[in-house]
Amino acid sequence: MWRLTRQKHAALDGAGTLVHGGRYSPPGVPVVNFASEAGLAVLVALRYLQGDFVEAPDDYVLGWTDIDVSPERVPDVDGDDAIRDWVTDWLDERRSLLAAVRSQVLPEADVVLMNPRHPDAASVLPLVTRPFSFAECLHTPPMLARYAGDTDVPAWPAWVGVHCAALAHATALSLGPLSSLCCKLQAHPVLCDLQHLLRRHSDTLA
């Protein structure tokens, strides 16, 4: 299980959701949100990142922990409200430690919720973390300079140099799903240009 968060929120106590709740959990109840893949953890954090990548706080950490439990699958229902109602009942009943929701950002992966009030939560080991830099992860691809003379390739701002090969490897995806995924990042519409670029140059991005 993976989390990309600021160091001060690395504890698996669910305190971050108490005030405002989470996308799939109500306020007032602690919940720990994991991603099933490291790449999904990065994408989720990226969607909520405000401002320029290079100005992001320098205390982000990418962390993981092993939990030897199969998550309970949240039914594929329509809308966040229906999912939140299911999760609310699941939290109240404390019937399992983990629940998996199909990611809206990356349907091939899951958002995994952990109930820290479940009896088994005490056996979950703390995150093993490493420092994470958005600027280093999303640097301009070295191959981009080779395309400088191709007028058909859209120009990117320097801060949108997404390292596509690394992200595809992290999420175990082909470039096809990854390219369509880029167009879902509504907070940064310029990333939609990646779909055209990946389609033209997928043979050199590996």
N, C-alpha and C. Protein backbone atom coordinates (compact mmCIF):
# COMPACT_ATOMS: atom_id res chain seq x y z
N MET A 1 0.85 -1.18 0.00
CA MET A 1 0.00 0.00 0.00
C MET A 1 0.89 1.25 0.00
N TRP A 2 0.49 2.26 -0.76
CA TRP A 2 1.33 3.44 -0.97
C TRP A 2 0.61 4.71 -0.56
N ARG A 3 1.42 5.66 -0.07
CA ARG A 3 0.92 6.99 0.23
C ARG A 3 1.97 8.02 -0.18
N LEU A 4 1.52 9.09 -0.81
CA LEU A 4 2.39 10.25 -1.04
C LEU A 4 1.79 11.39 -0.26
N THR A 5 2.52 11.86 0.75
CA THR A 5 1.98 12.85 1.66
C THR A 5 3.11 13.67 2.23
N ARG A 6 2.77 14.73 2.91
CA ARG A 6 3.78 15.50 3.62
C ARG A 6 4.17 14.74 4.90
N GLN A 7 5.40 14.95 5.31
CA GLN A 7 5.94 14.18 6.42
C GLN A 7 5.06 14.25 7.66
N LYS A 8 4.49 15.40 7.92
CA LYS A 8 3.69 15.57 9.14
C LYS A 8 2.40 14.75 9.11
N HIS A 9 2.01 14.24 7.92
CA HIS A 9 0.80 13.43 7.81
C HIS A 9 1.11 11.96 7.56
N ALA A 10 2.34 11.54 7.80
CA ALA A 10 2.74 10.18 7.47
C ALA A 10 2.20 9.14 8.45
N ALA A 11 1.82 9.54 9.64
CA ALA A 11 1.28 8.59 10.62
C ALA A 11 -0.03 7.99 10.11
N LEU A 12 -0.23 6.71 10.36
CA LEU A 12 -1.42 6.00 9.86
C LEU A 12 -2.54 6.05 10.89
N ASP A 13 -2.87 7.28 11.32
CA ASP A 13 -3.92 7.44 12.33
C ASP A 13 -5.23 7.98 11.76
N GLY A 14 -5.22 8.38 10.50
CA GLY A 14 -6.45 8.89 9.88
C GLY A 14 -6.85 10.27 10.32
N ALA A 15 -5.96 10.98 11.00
CA ALA A 15 -6.32 12.29 11.54
C ALA A 15 -6.65 13.31 10.45
N GLY A 16 -6.07 13.13 9.27
CA GLY A 16 -6.29 14.11 8.22
C GLY A 16 -7.71 14.20 7.71
N THR A 17 -8.51 13.16 7.92
CA THR A 17 -9.90 13.18 7.43
C THR A 17 -10.91 13.59 8.50
N LEU A 18 -10.45 13.83 9.72
CA LEU A 18 -11.40 14.08 10.80
C LEU A 18 -12.23 15.34 10.57
N VAL A 19 -11.61 16.42 10.11
CA VAL A 19 -12.32 17.70 10.00
C VAL A 19 -13.19 17.76 8.75
N HIS A 20 -12.59 17.48 7.60
CA HIS A 20 -13.31 17.65 6.34
C HIS A 20 -13.75 16.34 5.70
N GLY A 21 -13.34 15.22 6.24
CA GLY A 21 -13.66 13.96 5.60
C GLY A 21 -12.77 13.74 4.39
N GLY A 22 -13.03 12.67 3.67
CA GLY A 22 -12.31 12.37 2.44
C GLY A 22 -13.28 12.28 1.29
N ARG A 23 -12.79 11.99 0.12
CA ARG A 23 -13.68 11.88 -1.03
C ARG A 23 -14.74 10.81 -0.79
N TYR A 24 -14.36 9.72 -0.13
CA TYR A 24 -15.29 8.62 0.07
C TYR A 24 -15.63 8.39 1.54
N SER A 25 -15.25 9.30 2.42
CA SER A 25 -15.53 9.09 3.84
C SER A 25 -16.09 10.38 4.45
N PRO A 26 -16.96 10.24 5.46
CA PRO A 26 -17.60 11.41 6.05
C PRO A 26 -16.67 12.11 7.04
N PRO A 27 -16.94 13.40 7.33
CA PRO A 27 -16.16 14.09 8.36
C PRO A 27 -16.38 13.46 9.73
N GLY A 28 -15.41 13.65 10.61
CA GLY A 28 -15.54 13.18 11.98
C GLY A 28 -15.11 11.75 12.21
N VAL A 29 -14.69 11.06 11.15
CA VAL A 29 -14.28 9.66 11.28
C VAL A 29 -12.87 9.51 10.71
N PRO A 30 -11.93 8.94 11.45
CA PRO A 30 -10.58 8.78 10.91
C PRO A 30 -10.54 7.69 9.84
N VAL A 31 -9.88 7.98 8.74
CA VAL A 31 -9.69 7.03 7.65
C VAL A 31 -8.30 7.26 7.08
N VAL A 32 -7.60 6.18 6.77
CA VAL A 32 -6.31 6.28 6.10
C VAL A 32 -6.51 5.90 4.64
N ASN A 33 -6.11 6.77 3.73
CA ASN A 33 -6.26 6.52 2.30
C ASN A 33 -4.92 6.05 1.72
N PHE A 34 -4.94 4.89 1.10
CA PHE A 34 -3.78 4.35 0.40
C PHE A 34 -4.08 4.29 -1.09
N ALA A 35 -3.02 4.12 -1.88
CA ALA A 35 -3.14 3.77 -3.29
C ALA A 35 -2.55 2.38 -3.47
N SER A 36 -3.15 1.61 -4.36
CA SER A 36 -2.64 0.26 -4.59
C SER A 36 -1.35 0.27 -5.38
N GLU A 37 -1.04 1.37 -6.08
CA GLU A 37 0.17 1.49 -6.89
C GLU A 37 0.87 2.81 -6.55
N ALA A 38 2.19 2.81 -6.63
CA ALA A 38 2.94 4.04 -6.37
C ALA A 38 2.57 5.13 -7.36
N GLY A 39 2.38 4.75 -8.64
CA GLY A 39 2.03 5.74 -9.64
C GLY A 39 0.70 6.42 -9.35
N LEU A 40 -0.28 5.67 -8.84
CA LEU A 40 -1.55 6.28 -8.49
C LEU A 40 -1.39 7.26 -7.34
N ALA A 41 -0.56 6.91 -6.36
CA ALA A 41 -0.33 7.83 -5.24
C ALA A 41 0.22 9.16 -5.74
N VAL A 42 1.12 9.11 -6.73
CA VAL A 42 1.69 10.33 -7.30
C VAL A 42 0.61 11.12 -8.05
N LEU A 43 -0.20 10.43 -8.84
CA LEU A 43 -1.23 11.11 -9.62
C LEU A 43 -2.27 11.80 -8.74
N VAL A 44 -2.68 11.12 -7.68
CA VAL A 44 -3.67 11.71 -6.77
C VAL A 44 -3.10 12.96 -6.12
N ALA A 45 -1.86 12.89 -5.63
CA ALA A 45 -1.25 14.07 -5.02
C ALA A 45 -1.08 15.19 -6.04
N LEU A 46 -0.76 14.83 -7.27
CA LEU A 46 -0.57 15.82 -8.32
C LEU A 46 -1.85 16.59 -8.60
N ARG A 47 -2.98 15.93 -8.54
CA ARG A 47 -4.26 16.58 -8.82
C ARG A 47 -4.62 17.63 -7.76
N TYR A 48 -4.12 17.43 -6.55
CA TYR A 48 -4.43 18.38 -5.48
C TYR A 48 -3.31 19.39 -5.24
N LEU A 49 -2.23 19.26 -5.98
CA LEU A 49 -1.12 20.17 -5.80
C LEU A 49 -1.47 21.54 -6.40
N GLN A 50 -1.27 22.59 -5.63
CA GLN A 50 -1.59 23.94 -6.07
C GLN A 50 -0.33 24.66 -6.52
N GLY A 51 -0.44 25.37 -7.64
CA GLY A 51 0.69 26.16 -8.10
C GLY A 51 1.69 25.34 -8.90
N ASP A 52 2.86 25.90 -9.10
CA ASP A 52 3.92 25.30 -9.90
C ASP A 52 4.57 24.14 -9.15
N PHE A 53 4.88 23.06 -9.87
CA PHE A 53 5.52 21.90 -9.25
C PHE A 53 6.79 22.28 -8.50
N VAL A 54 7.57 23.16 -9.09
CA VAL A 54 8.87 23.48 -8.49
C VAL A 54 8.73 24.24 -7.18
N GLU A 55 7.54 24.76 -6.92
CA GLU A 55 7.31 25.50 -5.68
C GLU A 55 6.61 24.64 -4.62
N ALA A 56 6.44 23.36 -4.89
CA ALA A 56 5.81 22.46 -3.91
C ALA A 56 6.66 22.37 -2.66
N PRO A 57 6.04 22.18 -1.50
CA PRO A 57 6.82 22.02 -0.26
C PRO A 57 7.83 20.88 -0.40
N ASP A 58 8.94 21.02 0.31
CA ASP A 58 10.02 20.04 0.18
C ASP A 58 9.95 18.92 1.21
N ASP A 59 8.80 18.80 1.91
CA ASP A 59 8.70 17.77 2.94
C ASP A 59 7.78 16.61 2.53
N TYR A 60 7.52 16.45 1.21
CA TYR A 60 6.74 15.31 0.76
C TYR A 60 7.55 14.02 0.88
N VAL A 61 6.86 12.94 1.24
CA VAL A 61 7.49 11.62 1.29
C VAL A 61 6.58 10.62 0.59
N LEU A 62 7.21 9.68 -0.09
CA LEU A 62 6.50 8.54 -0.67
C LEU A 62 6.72 7.37 0.26
N GLY A 63 5.62 6.79 0.74
CA GLY A 63 5.74 5.73 1.72
C GLY A 63 4.94 4.50 1.35
N TRP A 64 5.36 3.37 1.88
CA TRP A 64 4.64 2.12 1.64
C TRP A 64 4.65 1.28 2.90
N THR A 65 3.68 0.39 2.96
CA THR A 65 3.63 -0.60 4.03
C THR A 65 2.92 -1.83 3.50
N ASP A 66 3.30 -2.98 4.01
CA ASP A 66 2.65 -4.24 3.63
C ASP A 66 1.53 -4.55 4.62
N ILE A 67 0.35 -4.84 4.07
CA ILE A 67 -0.79 -5.25 4.90
C ILE A 67 -1.30 -6.56 4.32
N ASP A 68 -1.13 -7.63 5.05
CA ASP A 68 -1.47 -8.96 4.55
C ASP A 68 -2.96 -9.25 4.77
N VAL A 69 -3.78 -8.41 4.15
CA VAL A 69 -5.24 -8.54 4.26
C VAL A 69 -5.84 -8.23 2.90
N SER A 70 -6.81 -9.03 2.48
CA SER A 70 -7.51 -8.73 1.23
C SER A 70 -8.60 -7.70 1.50
N PRO A 71 -8.59 -6.58 0.77
CA PRO A 71 -9.61 -5.55 1.02
C PRO A 71 -11.01 -6.01 0.62
N GLU A 72 -11.98 -5.53 1.33
CA GLU A 72 -13.37 -5.72 0.93
C GLU A 72 -13.64 -4.78 -0.24
N ARG A 73 -14.26 -5.29 -1.30
CA ARG A 73 -14.48 -4.50 -2.51
C ARG A 73 -15.74 -3.66 -2.38
N VAL A 74 -15.58 -2.35 -2.56
CA VAL A 74 -16.74 -1.46 -2.58
C VAL A 74 -17.48 -1.68 -3.89
N PRO A 75 -18.78 -1.87 -3.87
CA PRO A 75 -19.53 -2.12 -5.11
C PRO A 75 -19.37 -0.96 -6.09
N ASP A 76 -19.39 -1.28 -7.38
CA ASP A 76 -19.31 -0.25 -8.42
C ASP A 76 -20.68 0.40 -8.55
N VAL A 77 -20.91 1.41 -7.74
CA VAL A 77 -22.18 2.13 -7.74
C VAL A 77 -21.97 3.49 -8.39
N ASP A 78 -23.08 4.14 -8.74
CA ASP A 78 -22.99 5.42 -9.44
C ASP A 78 -22.82 6.58 -8.46
N GLY A 79 -21.74 7.33 -8.63
CA GLY A 79 -21.57 8.58 -7.88
C GLY A 79 -20.85 8.42 -6.57
N ASP A 80 -20.17 9.51 -6.19
CA ASP A 80 -19.42 9.51 -4.92
C ASP A 80 -20.34 9.39 -3.72
N ASP A 81 -21.56 9.94 -3.79
CA ASP A 81 -22.46 9.88 -2.64
C ASP A 81 -22.81 8.45 -2.28
N ALA A 82 -23.08 7.62 -3.29
CA ALA A 82 -23.43 6.22 -3.03
C ALA A 82 -22.23 5.48 -2.44
N ILE A 83 -21.04 5.76 -2.95
CA ILE A 83 -19.84 5.13 -2.40
C ILE A 83 -19.62 5.58 -0.96
N ARG A 84 -19.83 6.88 -0.70
CA ARG A 84 -19.64 7.40 0.65
C ARG A 84 -20.62 6.78 1.63
N ASP A 85 -21.86 6.54 1.20
CA ASP A 85 -22.85 5.89 2.07
C ASP A 85 -22.39 4.48 2.42
N TRP A 86 -21.87 3.76 1.42
CA TRP A 86 -21.38 2.39 1.67
C TRP A 86 -20.22 2.43 2.64
N VAL A 87 -19.28 3.34 2.41
CA VAL A 87 -18.10 3.44 3.27
C VAL A 87 -18.49 3.83 4.70
N THR A 88 -19.47 4.72 4.83
CA THR A 88 -19.92 5.13 6.17
C THR A 88 -20.42 3.94 6.96
N ASP A 89 -21.24 3.09 6.33
CA ASP A 89 -21.73 1.88 7.01
C ASP A 89 -20.57 0.94 7.32
N TRP A 90 -19.64 0.80 6.38
CA TRP A 90 -18.49 -0.08 6.59
C TRP A 90 -17.65 0.39 7.78
N LEU A 91 -17.46 1.69 7.90
CA LEU A 91 -16.69 2.23 9.02
C LEU A 91 -17.42 2.01 10.34
N ASP A 92 -18.71 2.27 10.35
CA ASP A 92 -19.49 2.12 11.59
C ASP A 92 -19.50 0.68 12.08
N GLU A 93 -19.58 -0.26 11.14
CA GLU A 93 -19.67 -1.67 11.52
C GLU A 93 -18.30 -2.28 11.84
N ARG A 94 -17.23 -1.62 11.38
CA ARG A 94 -15.86 -2.12 11.60
C ARG A 94 -15.73 -3.59 11.20
N ARG A 95 -16.33 -3.92 10.07
CA ARG A 95 -16.39 -5.34 9.72
C ARG A 95 -15.13 -5.85 9.02
N SER A 96 -14.27 -4.95 8.54
CA SER A 96 -13.00 -5.36 7.94
C SER A 96 -12.02 -4.20 8.05
N LEU A 97 -10.74 -4.52 7.91
CA LEU A 97 -9.70 -3.50 8.06
C LEU A 97 -9.61 -2.61 6.83
N LEU A 98 -9.74 -3.20 5.63
CA LEU A 98 -9.53 -2.48 4.39
C LEU A 98 -10.75 -2.56 3.48
N ALA A 99 -10.93 -1.52 2.69
CA ALA A 99 -11.95 -1.50 1.65
C ALA A 99 -11.35 -0.86 0.41
N ALA A 100 -11.58 -1.46 -0.76
CA ALA A 100 -10.98 -0.99 -2.00
C ALA A 100 -12.04 -0.35 -2.89
N VAL A 101 -11.74 0.85 -3.38
CA VAL A 101 -12.61 1.57 -4.30
C VAL A 101 -11.87 1.72 -5.62
N ARG A 102 -12.52 1.38 -6.71
CA ARG A 102 -11.87 1.57 -8.01
C ARG A 102 -11.57 3.05 -8.22
N SER A 103 -10.32 3.35 -8.58
CA SER A 103 -9.91 4.74 -8.73
C SER A 103 -10.63 5.41 -9.90
N GLN A 104 -11.10 6.63 -9.67
CA GLN A 104 -11.70 7.42 -10.74
C GLN A 104 -10.63 8.00 -11.65
N VAL A 105 -9.42 8.16 -11.13
CA VAL A 105 -8.31 8.72 -11.90
C VAL A 105 -7.66 7.64 -12.77
N LEU A 106 -7.52 6.45 -12.20
CA LEU A 106 -6.84 5.34 -12.87
C LEU A 106 -7.63 4.07 -12.58
N PRO A 107 -8.63 3.74 -13.40
CA PRO A 107 -9.52 2.61 -13.09
C PRO A 107 -8.82 1.27 -12.97
N GLU A 108 -7.58 1.17 -13.49
CA GLU A 108 -6.83 -0.08 -13.36
C GLU A 108 -6.26 -0.26 -11.96
N ALA A 109 -6.36 0.73 -11.11
CA ALA A 109 -5.83 0.67 -9.75
C ALA A 109 -6.93 1.03 -8.75
N ASP A 110 -6.62 0.89 -7.47
CA ASP A 110 -7.60 1.11 -6.41
C ASP A 110 -7.14 2.15 -5.41
N VAL A 111 -8.10 2.88 -4.88
CA VAL A 111 -7.92 3.62 -3.64
C VAL A 111 -8.32 2.67 -2.52
N VAL A 112 -7.43 2.45 -1.58
CA VAL A 112 -7.69 1.49 -0.50
C VAL A 112 -7.84 2.27 0.81
N LEU A 113 -8.98 2.11 1.44
CA LEU A 113 -9.27 2.78 2.70
C LEU A 113 -8.97 1.84 3.86
N MET A 114 -8.35 2.38 4.90
CA MET A 114 -8.11 1.60 6.11
C MET A 114 -8.85 2.25 7.27
N ASN A 115 -9.54 1.44 8.03
CA ASN A 115 -10.24 1.92 9.22
C ASN A 115 -9.31 1.79 10.42
N PRO A 116 -8.74 2.90 10.91
CA PRO A 116 -7.80 2.80 12.04
C PRO A 116 -8.47 2.41 13.34
N ARG A 117 -9.81 2.38 13.38
CA ARG A 117 -10.52 1.94 14.58
C ARG A 117 -10.80 0.45 14.57
N HIS A 118 -10.44 -0.23 13.48
CA HIS A 118 -10.60 -1.68 13.44
C HIS A 118 -9.54 -2.32 14.34
N PRO A 119 -9.87 -3.41 15.02
CA PRO A 119 -8.90 -4.04 15.94
C PRO A 119 -7.58 -4.41 15.28
N ASP A 120 -7.61 -4.78 14.00
CA ASP A 120 -6.38 -5.21 13.34
C ASP A 120 -5.48 -4.04 12.93
N ALA A 121 -5.97 -2.83 13.05
CA ALA A 121 -5.16 -1.68 12.63
C ALA A 121 -3.89 -1.55 13.48
N ALA A 122 -3.95 -2.00 14.70
CA ALA A 122 -2.78 -1.88 15.58
C ALA A 122 -1.59 -2.70 15.09
N SER A 123 -1.84 -3.70 14.24
CA SER A 123 -0.75 -4.55 13.75
C SER A 123 -0.13 -4.03 12.45
N VAL A 124 -0.67 -2.95 11.89
CA VAL A 124 -0.14 -2.40 10.64
C VAL A 124 1.15 -1.63 10.93
N LEU A 125 2.20 -1.97 10.22
CA LEU A 125 3.48 -1.31 10.44
C LEU A 125 3.47 0.11 9.89
N PRO A 126 4.24 1.02 10.48
CA PRO A 126 4.33 2.39 9.97
C PRO A 126 4.88 2.40 8.54
N LEU A 127 4.66 3.50 7.87
CA LEU A 127 5.17 3.65 6.51
C LEU A 127 6.69 3.64 6.49
N VAL A 128 7.24 2.97 5.50
CA VAL A 128 8.65 3.13 5.15
C VAL A 128 8.70 4.23 4.09
N THR A 129 9.39 5.30 4.36
CA THR A 129 9.30 6.48 3.49
C THR A 129 10.65 6.86 2.89
N ARG A 130 10.57 7.60 1.81
CA ARG A 130 11.73 8.24 1.22
C ARG A 130 11.31 9.64 0.79
N PRO A 131 12.23 10.59 0.74
CA PRO A 131 11.88 11.93 0.28
C PRO A 131 11.38 11.89 -1.16
N PHE A 132 10.40 12.74 -1.45
CA PHE A 132 9.84 12.79 -2.80
C PHE A 132 9.85 14.23 -3.29
N SER A 133 10.32 14.44 -4.52
CA SER A 133 10.36 15.76 -5.12
C SER A 133 9.56 15.75 -6.42
N PHE A 134 8.54 16.59 -6.50
CA PHE A 134 7.79 16.71 -7.75
C PHE A 134 8.68 17.22 -8.87
N ALA A 135 9.58 18.14 -8.55
CA ALA A 135 10.46 18.71 -9.57
C ALA A 135 11.35 17.63 -10.18
N GLU A 136 11.84 16.71 -9.35
CA GLU A 136 12.70 15.65 -9.87
C GLU A 136 11.89 14.59 -10.62
N CYS A 137 10.72 14.27 -10.11
CA CYS A 137 9.89 13.24 -10.73
C CYS A 137 9.34 13.71 -12.08
N LEU A 138 8.97 14.99 -12.16
CA LEU A 138 8.30 15.51 -13.35
C LEU A 138 9.22 16.40 -14.17
N HIS A 139 10.49 16.07 -14.19
CA HIS A 139 11.44 16.89 -14.94
C HIS A 139 11.22 16.73 -16.44
N THR A 140 11.75 17.66 -17.20
CA THR A 140 11.62 17.60 -18.65
C THR A 140 12.32 16.35 -19.19
N PRO A 141 11.62 15.52 -19.97
CA PRO A 141 12.24 14.30 -20.50
C PRO A 141 13.46 14.61 -21.34
N PRO A 142 14.56 13.86 -21.19
CA PRO A 142 15.76 14.12 -21.99
C PRO A 142 15.50 14.06 -23.49
N MET A 143 14.55 13.21 -23.91
CA MET A 143 14.28 13.06 -25.34
C MET A 143 13.56 14.27 -25.94
N LEU A 144 13.03 15.15 -25.10
CA LEU A 144 12.22 16.25 -25.63
C LEU A 144 13.03 17.16 -26.54
N ALA A 145 14.32 17.35 -26.23
CA ALA A 145 15.16 18.22 -27.06
C ALA A 145 15.27 17.68 -28.48
N ARG A 146 15.17 16.36 -28.65
CA ARG A 146 15.29 15.76 -29.97
C ARG A 146 14.10 16.14 -30.86
N TYR A 147 12.98 16.48 -30.22
CA TYR A 147 11.80 16.81 -30.99
C TYR A 147 11.67 18.32 -31.24
N ALA A 148 12.66 19.08 -30.86
CA ALA A 148 12.56 20.54 -30.92
C ALA A 148 12.27 21.03 -32.33
N GLY A 149 12.74 20.31 -33.35
CA GLY A 149 12.52 20.76 -34.71
C GLY A 149 11.23 20.28 -35.32
N ASP A 150 10.45 19.49 -34.59
CA ASP A 150 9.18 18.98 -35.10
C ASP A 150 8.08 19.96 -34.77
N THR A 151 7.61 20.71 -35.75
CA THR A 151 6.61 21.75 -35.49
C THR A 151 5.25 21.16 -35.16
N ASP A 152 5.04 19.87 -35.44
CA ASP A 152 3.75 19.26 -35.14
C ASP A 152 3.63 18.86 -33.69
N VAL A 153 4.76 18.81 -32.97
CA VAL A 153 4.73 18.40 -31.57
C VAL A 153 4.45 19.61 -30.72
N PRO A 154 3.39 19.60 -29.88
CA PRO A 154 3.07 20.76 -29.06
C PRO A 154 4.17 21.07 -28.06
N ALA A 155 4.39 22.37 -27.84
CA ALA A 155 5.39 22.80 -26.86
C ALA A 155 4.85 22.67 -25.45
N TRP A 156 5.69 22.28 -24.52
CA TRP A 156 5.31 22.17 -23.11
C TRP A 156 5.97 23.28 -22.31
N PRO A 157 5.29 23.81 -21.31
CA PRO A 157 5.99 24.63 -20.32
C PRO A 157 7.02 23.75 -19.61
N ALA A 158 8.06 24.38 -19.09
CA ALA A 158 9.13 23.60 -18.46
C ALA A 158 8.64 22.74 -17.32
N TRP A 159 7.61 23.22 -16.59
CA TRP A 159 7.16 22.47 -15.42
C TRP A 159 6.29 21.28 -15.77
N VAL A 160 5.97 21.09 -17.06
CA VAL A 160 5.12 19.97 -17.46
C VAL A 160 5.94 18.89 -18.14
N GLY A 161 7.22 18.81 -17.82
CA GLY A 161 8.05 17.76 -18.40
C GLY A 161 7.85 16.45 -17.69
N VAL A 162 6.75 15.79 -17.94
CA VAL A 162 6.41 14.57 -17.21
C VAL A 162 7.27 13.40 -17.68
N HIS A 163 7.87 12.69 -16.76
CA HIS A 163 8.69 11.54 -17.10
C HIS A 163 7.77 10.35 -17.34
N CYS A 164 7.28 10.22 -18.58
CA CYS A 164 6.23 9.26 -18.90
C CYS A 164 6.69 7.82 -18.70
N ALA A 165 7.90 7.52 -19.07
CA ALA A 165 8.36 6.14 -18.96
C ALA A 165 8.37 5.68 -17.52
N ALA A 166 8.83 6.54 -16.60
CA ALA A 166 8.88 6.16 -15.19
C ALA A 166 7.49 5.95 -14.64
N LEU A 167 6.55 6.81 -15.04
CA LEU A 167 5.19 6.69 -14.53
C LEU A 167 4.52 5.44 -15.08
N ALA A 168 4.76 5.13 -16.35
CA ALA A 168 4.18 3.93 -16.93
C ALA A 168 4.71 2.69 -16.23
N HIS A 169 6.01 2.70 -15.90
CA HIS A 169 6.59 1.57 -15.19
C HIS A 169 6.01 1.44 -13.80
N ALA A 170 5.83 2.55 -13.11
CA ALA A 170 5.34 2.51 -11.73
C ALA A 170 3.94 1.97 -11.66
N THR A 171 3.12 2.23 -12.69
CA THR A 171 1.72 1.80 -12.66
C THR A 171 1.50 0.54 -13.47
N ALA A 172 2.58 -0.01 -14.06
CA ALA A 172 2.50 -1.23 -14.87
C ALA A 172 1.48 -1.09 -15.98
N LEU A 173 1.46 0.08 -16.62
CA LEU A 173 0.52 0.33 -17.70
C LEU A 173 1.24 0.44 -19.01
N SER A 174 0.52 0.23 -20.10
CA SER A 174 1.05 0.55 -21.41
C SER A 174 0.89 2.03 -21.65
N LEU A 175 1.54 2.56 -22.69
CA LEU A 175 1.44 3.98 -22.98
C LEU A 175 0.04 4.37 -23.44
N GLY A 176 -0.73 3.41 -23.97
CA GLY A 176 -2.08 3.75 -24.43
C GLY A 176 -2.97 4.25 -23.31
N PRO A 177 -3.21 3.43 -22.24
CA PRO A 177 -4.01 3.93 -21.12
C PRO A 177 -3.41 5.16 -20.47
N LEU A 178 -2.08 5.25 -20.41
CA LEU A 178 -1.45 6.41 -19.77
C LEU A 178 -1.75 7.68 -20.54
N SER A 179 -1.73 7.59 -21.88
CA SER A 179 -1.97 8.79 -22.66
C SER A 179 -3.40 9.29 -22.49
N SER A 180 -4.37 8.37 -22.44
CA SER A 180 -5.74 8.81 -22.23
C SER A 180 -5.95 9.32 -20.83
N LEU A 181 -5.20 8.75 -19.86
CA LEU A 181 -5.29 9.21 -18.48
C LEU A 181 -4.90 10.67 -18.36
N CYS A 182 -3.91 11.12 -19.12
CA CYS A 182 -3.44 12.49 -19.01
C CYS A 182 -4.57 13.49 -19.22
N CYS A 183 -5.52 13.14 -20.08
CA CYS A 183 -6.60 14.07 -20.38
C CYS A 183 -7.60 14.16 -19.24
N LYS A 184 -7.47 13.32 -18.23
CA LYS A 184 -8.38 13.38 -17.09
C LYS A 184 -7.89 14.34 -16.01
N LEU A 185 -6.67 14.83 -16.15
CA LEU A 185 -6.12 15.73 -15.14
C LEU A 185 -6.61 17.14 -15.43
N GLN A 186 -7.86 17.43 -15.07
CA GLN A 186 -8.50 18.67 -15.45
C GLN A 186 -7.83 19.89 -14.84
N ALA A 187 -7.12 19.69 -13.73
CA ALA A 187 -6.48 20.83 -13.08
C ALA A 187 -5.34 21.38 -13.93
N HIS A 188 -4.80 20.56 -14.86
CA HIS A 188 -3.69 20.97 -15.70
C HIS A 188 -4.00 20.59 -17.14
N PRO A 189 -4.87 21.38 -17.84
CA PRO A 189 -5.33 20.99 -19.17
C PRO A 189 -4.20 20.83 -20.17
N VAL A 190 -3.07 21.50 -19.96
CA VAL A 190 -1.98 21.40 -20.93
C VAL A 190 -1.44 19.98 -21.02
N LEU A 191 -1.68 19.17 -19.99
CA LEU A 191 -1.21 17.79 -20.04
C LEU A 191 -1.92 16.99 -21.12
N CYS A 192 -3.05 17.48 -21.62
CA CYS A 192 -3.74 16.76 -22.69
C CYS A 192 -2.87 16.69 -23.94
N ASP A 193 -1.92 17.61 -24.09
CA ASP A 193 -1.02 17.55 -25.24
C ASP A 193 -0.16 16.30 -25.22
N LEU A 194 -0.04 15.66 -24.04
CA LEU A 194 0.76 14.45 -23.95
C LEU A 194 0.21 13.33 -24.82
N GLN A 195 -1.11 13.29 -24.98
CA GLN A 195 -1.70 12.20 -25.75
C GLN A 195 -1.14 12.20 -27.18
N HIS A 196 -1.06 13.38 -27.79
CA HIS A 196 -0.55 13.47 -29.14
C HIS A 196 0.93 13.11 -29.17
N LEU A 197 1.68 13.62 -28.21
CA LEU A 197 3.12 13.38 -28.19
C LEU A 197 3.44 11.92 -27.96
N LEU A 198 2.74 11.28 -27.04
CA LEU A 198 3.00 9.87 -26.76
C LEU A 198 2.67 8.99 -27.95
N ARG A 199 1.61 9.32 -28.64
CA ARG A 199 1.21 8.53 -29.80
C ARG A 199 2.26 8.61 -30.90
N ARG A 200 2.91 9.79 -31.03
CA ARG A 200 3.88 10.00 -32.11
C ARG A 200 5.24 9.40 -31.77
N HIS A 201 5.59 9.40 -30.46
CA HIS A 201 6.96 9.06 -30.10
C HIS A 201 7.05 7.95 -29.07
N SER A 202 6.05 7.08 -29.01
CA SER A 202 6.06 6.02 -27.98
C SER A 202 7.24 5.09 -28.13
N ASP A 203 7.81 4.98 -29.35
CA ASP A 203 8.92 4.07 -29.55
C ASP A 203 10.21 4.57 -28.92
N THR A 204 10.31 5.87 -28.65
CA THR A 204 11.55 6.41 -28.07
C THR A 204 11.42 6.75 -26.61
N LEU A 205 10.23 6.57 -26.03
CA LEU A 205 10.04 6.95 -24.62
C LEU A 205 10.36 5.79 -23.68
N ALA A 206 10.53 4.60 -24.20
CA ALA A 206 10.77 3.45 -23.33
C ALA A 206 12.19 3.51 -22.76
